[in-house]
Amino acid sequence: LSYTRFVSETELVCTDMPIWILLVASHLAASAKERACYPSSGDCDAQEAAQEINFLQRGLSARADAEPSDWGHEAPSCVPGFGAGLHLVQLPEVKRQFLLVVPPEFAHSATGVPLVMSFHGSAESAWYHNSAMGFARKIDRYGWLGMLPFGQNTTAGINGYGGLHECCSPLCNGSAKCCESGSEMSTHAEGCFWETGGEGDHDGGQDQLAFAKAMIAWATKNTCADASKVFAMGWSSGGDMSNFLACRLPHLFKAVAPMGIGMMPETVPELTCQPKHPLTYISFCGSGDEVSGCALTARLLAEAWSGGMNCFGQGPWGAPITERRSATATCTTWEKCDGGNFVETCVSEGQDHNPSGVLRPEGSSILRPGSDLRWPEYIFERFSLLVGDAILFYGSPTAQELAEKHKTGVFPPPKRYDHPYLRNESHYLALNSK
């Protein structure tokens, strides 16, 4: 773990973290003045959205001119100053923090790599979310960049900026090792969640919009992230957050994927919008989820999104197609939407308020059939449809690799020892336990 806080030119910060990197940067303060779209309402017109995207991509273009040969290789060339693993990064301008997830190797891409933000659920932390979803492992496998933001609980005095122990379960008793392992949840009264305009929110979600913008600005300034391929996914309260971003900042995201959104039928109109920039929308819900109420509203919400983006399905007269993906999973898809996007909603039949296919690390999940779609893996697979060839090992095996594997008269085939972090589970676990 590295601990990084980005500060203004005049601010000095000391930290007693055992492993840390201190970088000094004034880019966020300067960029806030330069950005053409930073409205308090969080809603921009098409011209302002284009200006903001251009701003985010200017840093990317500058790096493309300077270091084109470095992309697609080891982590330092994409994220200078950061090695592979998890890094706690703080942004003083918005007083928030996130975990940066850096893979050992990045996907080859001329325009930068995809960036995935994943928002934790209520009473959870970024550490817990990573542990439950296996998020870092997915990032490693695809060769993308990841961000795991920390929520807040302003009523309980948790501002989302408290360092390693932020949002940590009281069951950890202040143990950094316990917090970082992500093995325990908090109570809802003491834990973190995403304040997006509902009960307990003091500013209609404006803090969250500023935080999301600041994270994307930081990534495009300090990494090889492709600003045109930013994704958001979220579970429960984090699903509310990703839905909120899709509605308020659609021009900054390629796709969003909420699961277990907390809503009731009468609130659907408040949680939908007419997006001014097309994006892909993928929702997930358990049919037995009585906690969030998504079983009553997930289809209504998907229909609203499909209508707002002029979507058509492959069925008669443009109707969506509903398919059983397994014995317990059904997905309804509108495949043709504005901008080459799609809208999809999936149901895990009988699933309660628990991420589909996921066993919680503290052991509270009820065992389910193995036929459940594993939500994190499925969402990454769907995101991959939108990134072109920016996927680690895309195009493999090469002709040379095949020729070496199938040399005449050679048996057994030669063993391969490259990328042990992917080939060997015990090696991966040892690497990530350091």
Foldseek 3Di string as FASTA:
>chain_A
DEEEEEDEPPDDDDDPDPHYDYDYDRVVVVVVVVQQDQDLVLADAPVSLVSRLVSLCPLLVVVLVVPQPLAFFAQCSFFPPDHAAWYWYAYVVLLAIKIKGAAGTAFDDSQFFAEEEEEEAAQFFLLLVCLFQVVSVLCNQFRHIYIYTGAAQVVLPQDNRDPQCGQAAVVCVPDSLNSNNSQDGHDNNNGGAHQQQDPRHDRNRSSVSVVVSSVSSCSSNRGNHRQLRYEYEYAASSLLSQLSCCASPVSRHQEYEYELYADAPVCLVVSAHLDNDDHAYEYEYECAAPPRNVVHPVVVNLVRNCVSFVFFDPDPPRAWDWDAPFPFKIKTKRQDGPPRYIYMYMYGYPDYRDQWPTQRSNGPDDDDDPRTDRVSVVVSVVSVVVPPSRTHPRPPPDPVVVCQQCPPPDPPGDDDDPPCCPVPVVVVVVVNSD
